[in-house]
Amino acid sequence: MITINIDTQQRQDLVNLTEDIRASVASSGTDEGVCVVYCPHTTGGVTLNSQMDPPTLTDLIEEIDRIVPTRVDFKHIFDTPSDAAGHIKASIIGNSVSIPISSGKLALGSSQGILFWEFDGPRNRKVHLQIIGS
């Protein structure tokens, strides 16, 4: 297992991990297989989305906030209202993605990027990679 350490800078943040994960796949020597990207946090997630147009990230953050606004009336507020909202957002977004590896490279679409999504930062986070050859 490979671990990528992330220091998020904002309460909500999208961090592009694509190049770090590409480098990990290349150094693994895996020609064909799959790369599983896993977030072990309950207020963070992993998603695939466009990395071509920076306003996409702003739209994603604004829309998830519209769907799940930070409120003080959640029943499970451990430390902050954004903690409770973060749990719900992470459940909607998910905590892992699996990307095929073909000819030693991630088989991503031309505009796809692998993004870590912080919902209750800033924090020190980890994302784990499991690269499995076939």
Protein backbone atom coordinates (compact mmCIF):
# COMPACT_ATOMS: atom_id res chain seq x y z
CA MET A 1 0.00 0.00 0.00
CA ILE A 2 1.17 3.51 -0.85
CA THR A 3 0.07 6.51 1.24
CA ILE A 4 -0.20 10.07 -0.02
CA ASN A 5 -0.19 12.75 2.69
CA ILE A 6 -2.30 15.85 2.12
CA ASP A 7 -2.44 19.12 4.04
CA THR A 8 -5.72 20.79 3.15
CA GLN A 9 -5.90 24.57 3.36
CA GLN A 10 -9.61 25.35 3.70
CA ARG A 11 -12.79 24.08 5.35
CA GLN A 12 -13.73 22.62 1.98
CA ASP A 13 -11.01 21.93 -0.52
CA LEU A 14 -10.50 19.88 -3.65
CA VAL A 15 -6.93 18.62 -4.02
CA ASN A 16 -5.84 17.20 -7.35
CA LEU A 17 -3.90 13.96 -6.74
CA THR A 18 -3.70 12.83 -10.36
CA GLU A 19 0.01 13.41 -10.94
CA ASP A 20 1.04 11.86 -7.61
CA ILE A 21 -1.05 8.78 -8.39
CA ARG A 22 0.28 8.56 -11.96
CA ALA A 23 3.83 8.63 -10.57
CA SER A 24 2.99 5.89 -8.06
CA VAL A 25 1.52 3.68 -10.79
CA ALA A 26 4.56 4.24 -13.02
CA SER A 27 7.02 3.42 -10.23
CA SER A 28 5.07 0.27 -9.31
CA GLY A 29 5.97 -1.35 -12.64
CA THR A 30 2.39 -2.59 -13.05
CA ASP A 31 1.59 -2.91 -16.76
CA GLU A 32 -2.05 -4.04 -16.52
CA GLY A 33 -4.32 -3.96 -13.49
CA VAL A 34 -6.19 -1.53 -11.29
CA CYS A 35 -5.37 1.28 -8.89
CA VAL A 36 -7.72 1.65 -5.93
CA VAL A 37 -7.66 5.10 -4.34
CA TYR A 38 -9.10 5.03 -0.81
CA CYS A 39 -9.82 7.78 1.74
CA PRO A 40 -9.82 6.55 5.37
CA HIS A 41 -11.58 9.66 6.72
CA THR A 42 -15.26 10.19 7.51
CA THR A 43 -15.22 13.86 6.49
CA GLY A 44 -13.27 13.48 3.26
CA GLY A 45 -13.93 11.80 -0.06
CA VAL A 46 -12.42 10.84 -3.40
CA THR A 47 -13.96 11.61 -6.76
CA LEU A 48 -13.16 11.64 -10.47
CA ASN A 49 -14.03 14.84 -12.26
CA SER A 50 -12.78 17.41 -14.74
CA GLN A 51 -9.41 18.95 -14.02
CA MET A 52 -9.39 21.01 -17.22
CA ASP A 53 -11.50 23.98 -16.14
CA PRO A 54 -10.71 25.42 -12.65
CA PRO A 55 -14.24 26.85 -12.12
CA THR A 56 -15.49 23.24 -12.14
CA LEU A 57 -14.01 22.84 -8.65
CA THR A 58 -15.85 25.94 -7.42
CA ASP A 59 -19.12 24.66 -8.90
CA LEU A 60 -18.66 21.27 -7.21
CA ILE A 61 -18.06 22.84 -3.80
CA GLU A 62 -20.98 25.26 -4.16
CA GLU A 63 -23.38 22.51 -5.26
CA ILE A 64 -22.49 20.07 -2.47
CA ASP A 65 -23.01 22.96 -0.02
CA ARG A 66 -26.40 23.65 -1.59
CA ILE A 67 -27.38 19.98 -1.25
CA VAL A 68 -25.98 19.62 2.29
CA PRO A 69 -25.59 23.02 3.93
CA THR A 70 -23.69 23.33 7.19
CA ARG A 71 -26.32 23.70 9.91
CA VAL A 72 -26.39 23.73 13.69
CA ASP A 73 -29.45 21.47 13.98
CA PHE A 74 -27.76 18.19 12.98
CA LYS A 75 -28.24 15.60 15.69
CA HIS A 76 -24.62 14.42 15.58
CA ILE A 77 -22.32 17.42 15.94
CA PHE A 78 -19.09 16.01 17.39
CA ASP A 79 -16.92 19.10 17.26
CA THR A 80 -18.32 21.51 14.67
CA PRO A 81 -21.44 21.82 12.48
CA SER A 82 -19.21 21.25 9.43
CA ASP A 83 -18.21 17.86 10.93
CA ALA A 84 -21.80 16.61 10.74
CA ALA A 85 -22.30 18.04 7.26
CA GLY A 86 -18.95 16.50 6.27
CA HIS A 87 -20.12 13.02 7.25
CA ILE A 88 -23.15 13.35 5.01
CA LYS A 89 -21.18 14.84 2.10
CA ALA A 90 -18.58 12.06 2.34
CA SER A 91 -21.35 9.45 2.19
CA ILE A 92 -22.77 11.06 -0.93
CA ILE A 93 -19.40 11.47 -2.70
CA GLY A 94 -17.84 8.21 -1.54
CA ASN A 95 -14.45 7.24 -0.18
CA SER A 96 -12.84 5.37 -3.07
CA VAL A 97 -12.41 5.10 -6.80
CA SER A 98 -10.88 2.32 -8.89
CA ILE A 99 -9.06 3.20 -12.09
CA PRO A 100 -7.89 0.61 -14.62
CA ILE A 101 -4.20 0.50 -15.49
CA SER A 102 -3.40 -0.16 -19.14
CA SER A 103 0.09 -0.22 -20.67
CA GLY A 104 1.50 1.02 -17.35
CA LYS A 105 -0.73 4.11 -17.21
CA LEU A 106 -3.99 5.12 -15.56
CA ALA A 107 -6.83 4.72 -18.06
CA LEU A 108 -8.40 8.10 -17.28
CA GLY A 109 -10.50 10.09 -19.70
CA SER A 110 -8.80 13.08 -21.32
CA SER A 111 -10.18 15.61 -18.84
CA GLN A 112 -10.50 13.37 -15.77
CA GLY A 113 -8.58 14.01 -12.61
CA ILE A 114 -8.51 12.21 -9.27
CA LEU A 115 -9.55 14.61 -6.53
CA PHE A 116 -9.43 14.39 -2.75
CA TRP A 117 -12.36 16.31 -1.30
CA GLU A 118 -11.97 17.89 2.13
CA PHE A 119 -15.26 18.61 3.90
CA ASP A 120 -14.10 19.66 7.38
CA GLY A 121 -10.66 21.20 7.16
CA PRO A 122 -8.10 22.38 7.19
CA ARG A 123 -6.56 19.09 8.29
CA ASN A 124 -3.73 16.65 7.68
CA ARG A 125 -5.15 13.82 5.60
CA LYS A 126 -4.06 10.57 4.00
CA VAL A 127 -5.15 8.77 0.87
CA HIS A 128 -4.12 5.15 0.36
CA LEU A 129 -3.38 3.52 -2.99
CA GLN A 130 -3.53 -0.19 -3.64
CA ILE A 131 -2.09 -1.09 -7.02
CA ILE A 132 -3.09 -4.55 -8.17
CA GLY A 133 -1.58 -6.16 -11.26
CA SER A 134 -3.43 -8.65 -13.42
